[in-house]
Each structure stands twice: as C-alpha cells, then as structure tokens.
C-alpha cells in the first residue's frame, strides 16, 4: 500500500469513527431491537440494556433527552414479548438446562440466572425443571451436574490416562470444589471404578 493510499485509508477510518449515530426514531429503535433478537437469544433485561445503551449514545449525540426513546423501547419490547420472541421463562429454562449439562451445580446456575435479572419465579421454575431429564425421567440434579463436569474436564474415572488418576486425585477434587460441587459428591464420582460406574446413579 503506497503512502497516499495509506493516508486515505486512515482518514476514512477516522471519519467513520467521528460519524454521529443516527437520530433515534421509533422505527430505528424497533430495527435495533429486531437486529439484536435475531442475532442473540436473550432475556428481556439484556435486550433492554442493549437498547438503552444505543439510545443513550444516539440521544447524547443529538442533544436529546432519553425519556421519549425509552418509551419506544418499552413498546417494542412489549410487542416482542407478546409475540413470544422474548420469553424469560423459556430462556431461563433453556439456559439452566445448558449450564447443567456443562456441569454447573444448581447454586451456580441460580446465581447465573439472577445475574441476568430474571424474576425469582422464572429461576425457581427453571431449577425445578432440571429435576427431570430431557426425556422426562427424574434425576438427581446435583449428581448429574457433577458427573457432567467431571466428564467434560476429564477428571477421575474420565481421564484418558488411568495411570495418573491417583496422582491427580487431589487436584481433581479441588477443581470440582472450585466449580461448586460438594465434597462428598465429588469424592464419590472421582472414586468410581471407571467411567461407566461414575455415570451409573445406582453405583454411587
């Protein structure tokens, strides 16, 4: 790239960076919301926070107050909720299931859902839903999450090199404790004879 082209390139980048955001309108706020929910599966609080940030930047650039645009955001969020595009109860259940399957214990899942500013009722329903697996069979949520964590991290009986199990036992135990799994439960899983025994709830 020649010097002249390089100067033009950086000048274009500088002009882009200085360009004012568009003036907020009901249609623009609606487009922002639709773009976000089409890209990300999110709870209401996340959609609202994203719109609030964009509205604040746009209103500041144009010397406007945010109250009117915030009302437009309320309207479009209400429409998306009515259409089922935003559904905190469904999102909480899906997120809790995904976290459990990655080995997160119930208390950690509860904290993650609270951080998303979900209603207590939605969090409680999501945690209750974990007491059954995807086929509807009852499960021990804490045990299932601990097994999932050990399997994903290849701890204890899930190690590829069985010869290192004894040597790594304390470190594996510490890893499960840091993840929030109880000591007794972690020991039972790490002490399992092999992976099949760790996966079998009747062999605990």
C-alpha atoms as a PDB file:
ATOM      1  CA  UNK A   1       0.000   0.000   0.000  1.00  0.00           C
ATOM      2  CA  UNK A   2       1.517   3.388  -1.056  1.00  0.00           C
ATOM      3  CA  UNK A   3       1.801   6.342   1.309  1.00  0.00           C
ATOM      4  CA  UNK A   4      -1.090   8.186  -0.356  1.00  0.00           C
ATOM      5  CA  UNK A   5      -3.401   5.187  -0.152  1.00  0.00           C
ATOM      6  CA  UNK A   6      -2.363   4.596   3.451  1.00  0.00           C
ATOM      7  CA  UNK A   7      -3.256   8.176   4.380  1.00  0.00           C
ATOM      8  CA  UNK A   8      -6.623   7.849   2.633  1.00  0.00           C
ATOM      9  CA  UNK A   9      -7.325   4.584   4.466  1.00  0.00           C
ATOM     10  CA  UNK A  10      -6.683   6.030   7.899  1.00  0.00           C
ATOM     11  CA  UNK A  11      -8.577   9.209   7.026  1.00  0.00           C
ATOM     12  CA  UNK A  12     -11.613   7.104   6.098  1.00  0.00           C
ATOM     13  CA  UNK A  13     -11.325   5.207   9.387  1.00  0.00           C
ATOM     14  CA  UNK A  14     -11.121   8.477  11.341  1.00  0.00           C
ATOM     15  CA  UNK A  15     -14.170   9.898   9.549  1.00  0.00           C
ATOM     16  CA  UNK A  16     -16.121   6.718  10.294  1.00  0.00           C
ATOM     17  CA  UNK A  17     -15.175   6.895  13.973  1.00  0.00           C
ATOM     18  CA  UNK A  18     -16.341  10.542  14.156  1.00  0.00           C
ATOM     19  CA  UNK A  19     -19.626   9.946  12.351  1.00  0.00           C
ATOM     20  CA  UNK A  20     -22.599  10.724  14.561  1.00  0.00           C
ATOM     21  CA  UNK A  21     -25.033   7.902  15.280  1.00  0.00           C
ATOM     22  CA  UNK A  22     -28.427   8.379  13.622  1.00  0.00           C
ATOM     23  CA  UNK A  23     -31.115  10.348  15.391  1.00  0.00           C
ATOM     24  CA  UNK A  24     -33.404   7.985  17.310  1.00  0.00           C
ATOM     25  CA  UNK A  25     -36.877   7.347  15.939  1.00  0.00           C
ATOM     26  CA  UNK A  26     -39.485   4.708  16.793  1.00  0.00           C
ATOM     27  CA  UNK A  27     -38.590   2.848  13.592  1.00  0.00           C
ATOM     28  CA  UNK A  28     -34.872   2.930  14.347  1.00  0.00           C
ATOM     29  CA  UNK A  29     -35.347   1.651  17.904  1.00  0.00           C
ATOM     30  CA  UNK A  30     -37.542  -1.135  16.545  1.00  0.00           C
ATOM     31  CA  UNK A  31     -34.859  -2.037  13.991  1.00  0.00           C
ATOM     32  CA  UNK A  32     -32.201  -2.115  16.712  1.00  0.00           C
ATOM     33  CA  UNK A  33     -34.360  -4.462  18.779  1.00  0.00           C
ATOM     34  CA  UNK A  34     -35.121  -6.793  15.880  1.00  0.00           C
ATOM     35  CA  UNK A  35     -31.482  -6.921  14.837  1.00  0.00           C
ATOM     36  CA  UNK A  36     -30.449  -7.871  18.365  1.00  0.00           C
ATOM     37  CA  UNK A  37     -33.057 -10.579  18.973  1.00  0.00           C
ATOM     38  CA  UNK A  38     -32.415 -12.067  15.538  1.00  0.00           C
ATOM     39  CA  UNK A  39     -28.729 -12.380  16.393  1.00  0.00           C
ATOM     40  CA  UNK A  40     -28.892 -13.303  20.080  1.00  0.00           C
ATOM     41  CA  UNK A  41     -31.249 -15.479  22.114  1.00  0.00           C
ATOM     42  CA  UNK A  42     -31.589 -13.240  25.170  1.00  0.00           C
ATOM     43  CA  UNK A  43     -33.805 -12.422  28.134  1.00  0.00           C
ATOM     44  CA  UNK A  44     -35.686  -9.150  28.378  1.00  0.00           C
ATOM     45  CA  UNK A  45     -33.089  -7.441  30.575  1.00  0.00           C
ATOM     46  CA  UNK A  46     -30.346  -7.983  28.001  1.00  0.00           C
ATOM     47  CA  UNK A  47     -32.473  -6.613  25.163  1.00  0.00           C
ATOM     48  CA  UNK A  48     -33.467  -3.623  27.278  1.00  0.00           C
ATOM     49  CA  UNK A  49     -29.853  -2.908  28.307  1.00  0.00           C
ATOM     50  CA  UNK A  50     -28.681  -3.015  24.687  1.00  0.00           C
ATOM     51  CA  UNK A  51     -31.419  -0.650  23.543  1.00  0.00           C
ATOM     52  CA  UNK A  52     -30.729   1.686  26.468  1.00  0.00           C
ATOM     53  CA  UNK A  53     -27.049   1.935  25.537  1.00  0.00           C
ATOM     54  CA  UNK A  54     -27.790   2.653  21.895  1.00  0.00           C
ATOM     55  CA  UNK A  55     -30.482   5.173  22.777  1.00  0.00           C
ATOM     56  CA  UNK A  56     -28.187   6.947  25.242  1.00  0.00           C
ATOM     57  CA  UNK A  57     -25.401   7.295  22.652  1.00  0.00           C
ATOM     58  CA  UNK A  58     -27.767   8.480  19.955  1.00  0.00           C
ATOM     59  CA  UNK A  59     -29.613  10.959  22.157  1.00  0.00           C
ATOM     60  CA  UNK A  60     -26.374  12.379  23.527  1.00  0.00           C
ATOM     61  CA  UNK A  61     -25.036  12.913  20.007  1.00  0.00           C
ATOM     62  CA  UNK A  62     -28.175  14.833  19.043  1.00  0.00           C
ATOM     63  CA  UNK A  63     -28.646  16.743  22.307  1.00  0.00           C
ATOM     64  CA  UNK A  64     -31.886  14.945  23.153  1.00  0.00           C
ATOM     65  CA  UNK A  65     -33.320  13.534  26.335  1.00  0.00           C
ATOM     66  CA  UNK A  66     -33.794   9.776  26.500  1.00  0.00           C
ATOM     67  CA  UNK A  67     -37.292   9.588  28.011  1.00  0.00           C
ATOM     68  CA  UNK A  68     -39.232   9.511  24.746  1.00  0.00           C
ATOM     69  CA  UNK A  69     -36.908   6.972  23.102  1.00  0.00           C
ATOM     70  CA  UNK A  70     -37.031   4.822  26.239  1.00  0.00           C
ATOM     71  CA  UNK A  71     -40.800   4.712  25.774  1.00  0.00           C
ATOM     72  CA  UNK A  72     -40.307   3.458  22.216  1.00  0.00           C
ATOM     73  CA  UNK A  73     -38.062   0.737  23.593  1.00  0.00           C
ATOM     74  CA  UNK A  74     -40.758  -0.241  26.086  1.00  0.00           C
ATOM     75  CA  UNK A  75     -43.275  -0.503  23.261  1.00  0.00           C
ATOM     76  CA  UNK A  76     -41.141  -2.689  21.005  1.00  0.00           C
ATOM     77  CA  UNK A  77     -40.143  -4.953  23.913  1.00  0.00           C
ATOM     78  CA  UNK A  78     -43.808  -5.367  24.855  1.00  0.00           C
ATOM     79  CA  UNK A  79     -44.589  -6.329  21.246  1.00  0.00           C
ATOM     80  CA  UNK A  80     -41.739  -8.851  21.146  1.00  0.00           C
ATOM     81  CA  UNK A  81     -42.892 -10.385  24.426  1.00  0.00           C
ATOM     82  CA  UNK A  82     -46.465 -10.671  23.178  1.00  0.00           C
ATOM     83  CA  UNK A  83     -45.187 -12.405  20.045  1.00  0.00           C
ATOM     84  CA  UNK A  84     -43.145 -14.839  22.146  1.00  0.00           C
ATOM     85  CA  UNK A  85     -39.835 -13.645  20.734  1.00  0.00           C
ATOM     86  CA  UNK A  86     -38.776 -12.550  24.206  1.00  0.00           C
ATOM     87  CA  UNK A  87     -39.786 -15.132  26.807  1.00  0.00           C
ATOM     88  CA  UNK A  88     -37.880 -15.020  30.081  1.00  0.00           C
ATOM     89  CA  UNK A  89     -39.419 -18.200  31.439  1.00  0.00           C
ATOM     90  CA  UNK A  90     -38.394 -20.195  28.376  1.00  0.00           C
ATOM     91  CA  UNK A  91     -34.970 -18.558  28.280  1.00  0.00           C
ATOM     92  CA  UNK A  92     -34.354 -19.345  31.955  1.00  0.00           C
ATOM     93  CA  UNK A  93     -35.296 -22.994  31.450  1.00  0.00           C
ATOM     94  CA  UNK A  94     -33.093 -23.335  28.365  1.00  0.00           C
ATOM     95  CA  UNK A  95     -30.139 -21.596  29.993  1.00  0.00           C
ATOM     96  CA  UNK A  96     -30.417 -23.641  33.181  1.00  0.00           C
ATOM     97  CA  UNK A  97     -30.502 -26.867  31.156  1.00  0.00           C
ATOM     98  CA  UNK A  98     -27.466 -25.843  29.104  1.00  0.00           C
ATOM     99  CA  UNK A  99     -25.488 -24.888  32.203  1.00  0.00           C
ATOM    100  CA  UNK A 100     -26.406 -28.126  33.990  1.00  0.00           C
ATOM    101  CA  UNK A 101     -25.330 -30.181  31.001  1.00  0.00           C
ATOM    102  CA  UNK A 102     -21.978 -28.390  31.095  1.00  0.00           C
ATOM    103  CA  UNK A 103     -21.565 -29.389  34.731  1.00  0.00           C
ATOM    104  CA  UNK A 104     -22.732 -26.293  36.610  1.00  0.00           C
ATOM    105  CA  UNK A 105     -24.224 -27.124  40.036  1.00  0.00           C
ATOM    106  CA  UNK A 106     -27.692 -25.807  40.968  1.00  0.00           C
ATOM    107  CA  UNK A 107     -26.408 -22.968  43.152  1.00  0.00           C
ATOM    108  CA  UNK A 108     -24.107 -21.692  40.407  1.00  0.00           C
ATOM    109  CA  UNK A 109     -26.968 -21.891  37.908  1.00  0.00           C
ATOM    110  CA  UNK A 110     -29.180 -19.901  40.250  1.00  0.00           C
ATOM    111  CA  UNK A 111     -26.516 -17.200  40.550  1.00  0.00           C
ATOM    112  CA  UNK A 112     -26.029 -17.038  36.780  1.00  0.00           C
ATOM    113  CA  UNK A 113     -29.765 -16.605  36.222  1.00  0.00           C
ATOM    114  CA  UNK A 114     -30.025 -13.921  38.898  1.00  0.00           C
ATOM    115  CA  UNK A 115     -27.195 -12.033  37.207  1.00  0.00           C
ATOM    116  CA  UNK A 116     -29.449 -11.837  34.143  1.00  0.00           C
ATOM    117  CA  UNK A 117     -32.075 -10.065  36.280  1.00  0.00           C
ATOM    118  CA  UNK A 118     -34.679 -12.764  35.801  1.00  0.00           C
ATOM    119  CA  UNK A 119     -37.730 -12.954  38.036  1.00  0.00           C
ATOM    120  CA  UNK A 120     -37.432 -15.277  41.030  1.00  0.00           C
ATOM    121  CA  UNK A 121     -40.406 -17.263  39.756  1.00  0.00           C
ATOM    122  CA  UNK A 122     -38.669 -17.950  36.435  1.00  0.00           C
ATOM    123  CA  UNK A 123     -35.476 -19.011  38.222  1.00  0.00           C
ATOM    124  CA  UNK A 124     -37.360 -21.334  40.566  1.00  0.00           C
ATOM    125  CA  UNK A 125     -39.254 -22.923  37.652  1.00  0.00           C
ATOM    126  CA  UNK A 126     -36.021 -23.397  35.689  1.00  0.00           C
ATOM    127  CA  UNK A 127     -34.321 -25.141  38.612  1.00  0.00           C
ATOM    128  CA  UNK A 128     -37.373 -27.296  39.205  1.00  0.00           C
ATOM    129  CA  UNK A 129     -37.327 -28.316  35.551  1.00  0.00           C
ATOM    130  CA  UNK A 130     -33.826 -29.718  35.980  1.00  0.00           C
ATOM    131  CA  UNK A 131     -35.198 -32.435  38.228  1.00  0.00           C
ATOM    132  CA  UNK A 132     -36.233 -34.266  35.077  1.00  0.00           C
ATOM    133  CA  UNK A 133     -34.016 -35.067  32.110  1.00  0.00           C
ATOM    134  CA  UNK A 134     -34.985 -34.270  28.520  1.00  0.00           C
ATOM    135  CA  UNK A 135     -36.979 -37.493  28.307  1.00  0.00           C
ATOM    136  CA  UNK A 136     -38.945 -36.676  31.465  1.00  0.00           C
ATOM    137  CA  UNK A 137     -37.186 -39.137  33.761  1.00  0.00           C
ATOM    138  CA  UNK A 138     -36.414 -37.910  37.292  1.00  0.00           C
ATOM    139  CA  UNK A 139     -32.766 -37.156  38.022  1.00  0.00           C
ATOM    140  CA  UNK A 140     -30.589 -36.067  40.909  1.00  0.00           C
ATOM    141  CA  UNK A 141     -29.660 -32.596  39.672  1.00  0.00           C
ATOM    142  CA  UNK A 142     -26.522 -32.162  41.795  1.00  0.00           C
ATOM    143  CA  UNK A 143     -25.168 -35.615  40.907  1.00  0.00           C
ATOM    144  CA  UNK A 144     -25.921 -35.212  37.210  1.00  0.00           C
ATOM    145  CA  UNK A 145     -24.170 -31.824  37.087  1.00  0.00           C
ATOM    146  CA  UNK A 146     -21.137 -33.124  38.965  1.00  0.00           C
ATOM    147  CA  UNK A 147     -20.794 -36.091  36.602  1.00  0.00           C
ATOM    148  CA  UNK A 148     -21.159 -33.785  33.605  1.00  0.00           C
ATOM    149  CA  UNK A 149     -18.425 -31.529  34.962  1.00  0.00           C
ATOM    150  CA  UNK A 150     -16.038 -34.406  35.676  1.00  0.00           C
ATOM    151  CA  UNK A 151     -16.648 -35.893  32.228  1.00  0.00           C
ATOM    152  CA  UNK A 152     -16.194 -32.562  30.422  1.00  0.00           C
ATOM    153  CA  UNK A 153     -12.976 -31.799  32.309  1.00  0.00           C
ATOM    154  CA  UNK A 154     -11.808 -35.432  32.080  1.00  0.00           C
ATOM    155  CA  UNK A 155     -11.355 -35.824  35.815  1.00  0.00           C
ATOM    156  CA  UNK A 156     -11.035 -39.021  37.852  1.00  0.00           C
ATOM    157  CA  UNK A 157     -12.518 -42.024  36.007  1.00  0.00           C
ATOM    158  CA  UNK A 158     -12.872 -39.939  32.840  1.00  0.00           C
ATOM    159  CA  UNK A 159      -9.126 -39.406  32.480  1.00  0.00           C
ATOM    160  CA  UNK A 160      -7.630 -40.714  29.265  1.00  0.00           C
ATOM    161  CA  UNK A 161      -4.557 -41.900  31.147  1.00  0.00           C
ATOM    162  CA  UNK A 162      -5.869 -44.015  34.012  1.00  0.00           C
ATOM    163  CA  UNK A 163      -2.361 -44.249  35.468  1.00  0.00           C
ATOM    164  CA  UNK A 164      -2.496 -40.584  36.515  1.00  0.00           C
ATOM    165  CA  UNK A 165      -5.746 -40.845  38.477  1.00  0.00           C
ATOM    166  CA  UNK A 166      -4.182 -41.343  41.911  1.00  0.00           C
ATOM    167  CA  UNK A 167      -1.528 -38.710  41.289  1.00  0.00           C
ATOM    168  CA  UNK A 168      -4.104 -36.123  40.186  1.00  0.00           C
ATOM    169  CA  UNK A 169      -6.848 -37.021  42.655  1.00  0.00           C
ATOM    170  CA  UNK A 170      -6.421 -34.034  44.995  1.00  0.00           C
ATOM    171  CA  UNK A 171      -6.185 -31.588  42.103  1.00  0.00           C
ATOM    172  CA  UNK A 172      -9.296 -33.086  40.534  1.00  0.00           C
ATOM    173  CA  UNK A 173     -11.101 -32.809  43.863  1.00  0.00           C
ATOM    174  CA  UNK A 174     -10.045 -29.180  44.195  1.00  0.00           C
ATOM    175  CA  UNK A 175     -11.263 -28.437  40.655  1.00  0.00           C
ATOM    176  CA  UNK A 176     -14.696 -29.832  41.435  1.00  0.00           C
ATOM    177  CA  UNK A 177     -14.847 -27.858  44.675  1.00  0.00           C
ATOM    178  CA  UNK A 178     -13.999 -24.631  42.844  1.00  0.00           C
ATOM    179  CA  UNK A 179     -16.809 -25.367  40.411  1.00  0.00           C
ATOM    180  CA  UNK A 180     -19.207 -25.565  43.359  1.00  0.00           C
ATOM    181  CA  UNK A 181     -19.698 -29.321  43.667  1.00  0.00           C
ATOM    182  CA  UNK A 182     -19.963 -30.734  47.182  1.00  0.00           C
ATOM    183  CA  UNK A 183     -17.006 -32.587  48.671  1.00  0.00           C
ATOM    184  CA  UNK A 184     -18.815 -35.875  49.333  1.00  0.00           C
ATOM    185  CA  UNK A 185     -20.399 -35.951  45.896  1.00  0.00           C
ATOM    186  CA  UNK A 186     -17.125 -35.120  44.180  1.00  0.00           C
ATOM    187  CA  UNK A 187     -15.312 -37.894  46.060  1.00  0.00           C
ATOM    188  CA  UNK A 188     -17.900 -40.490  45.107  1.00  0.00           C
ATOM    189  CA  UNK A 189     -17.544 -39.614  41.443  1.00  0.00           C
ATOM    190  CA  UNK A 190     -13.755 -39.416  41.484  1.00  0.00           C
ATOM    191  CA  UNK A 191     -13.552 -42.703  43.412  1.00  0.00           C
ATOM    192  CA  UNK A 192     -15.729 -44.533  40.870  1.00  0.00           C
ATOM    193  CA  UNK A 193     -14.055 -47.619  39.450  1.00  0.00           C
ATOM    194  CA  UNK A 194     -14.410 -46.420  35.874  1.00  0.00           C
ATOM    195  CA  UNK A 195     -16.419 -44.080  33.677  1.00  0.00           C
ATOM    196  CA  UNK A 196     -19.375 -46.458  33.401  1.00  0.00           C
ATOM    197  CA  UNK A 197     -19.599 -46.692  37.176  1.00  0.00           C
ATOM    198  CA  UNK A 198     -19.443 -42.891  37.512  1.00  0.00           C
ATOM    199  CA  UNK A 199     -22.279 -42.495  35.003  1.00  0.00           C
ATOM    200  CA  UNK A 200     -24.498 -45.040  36.742  1.00  0.00           C
ATOM    201  CA  UNK A 201     -26.528 -43.372  39.523  1.00  0.00           C
ATOM    202  CA  UNK A 202     -27.218 -46.783  41.107  1.00  0.00           C
ATOM    203  CA  UNK A 203     -23.475 -47.345  41.518  1.00  0.00           C
ATOM    204  CA  UNK A 204     -22.974 -44.299  43.715  1.00  0.00           C
END
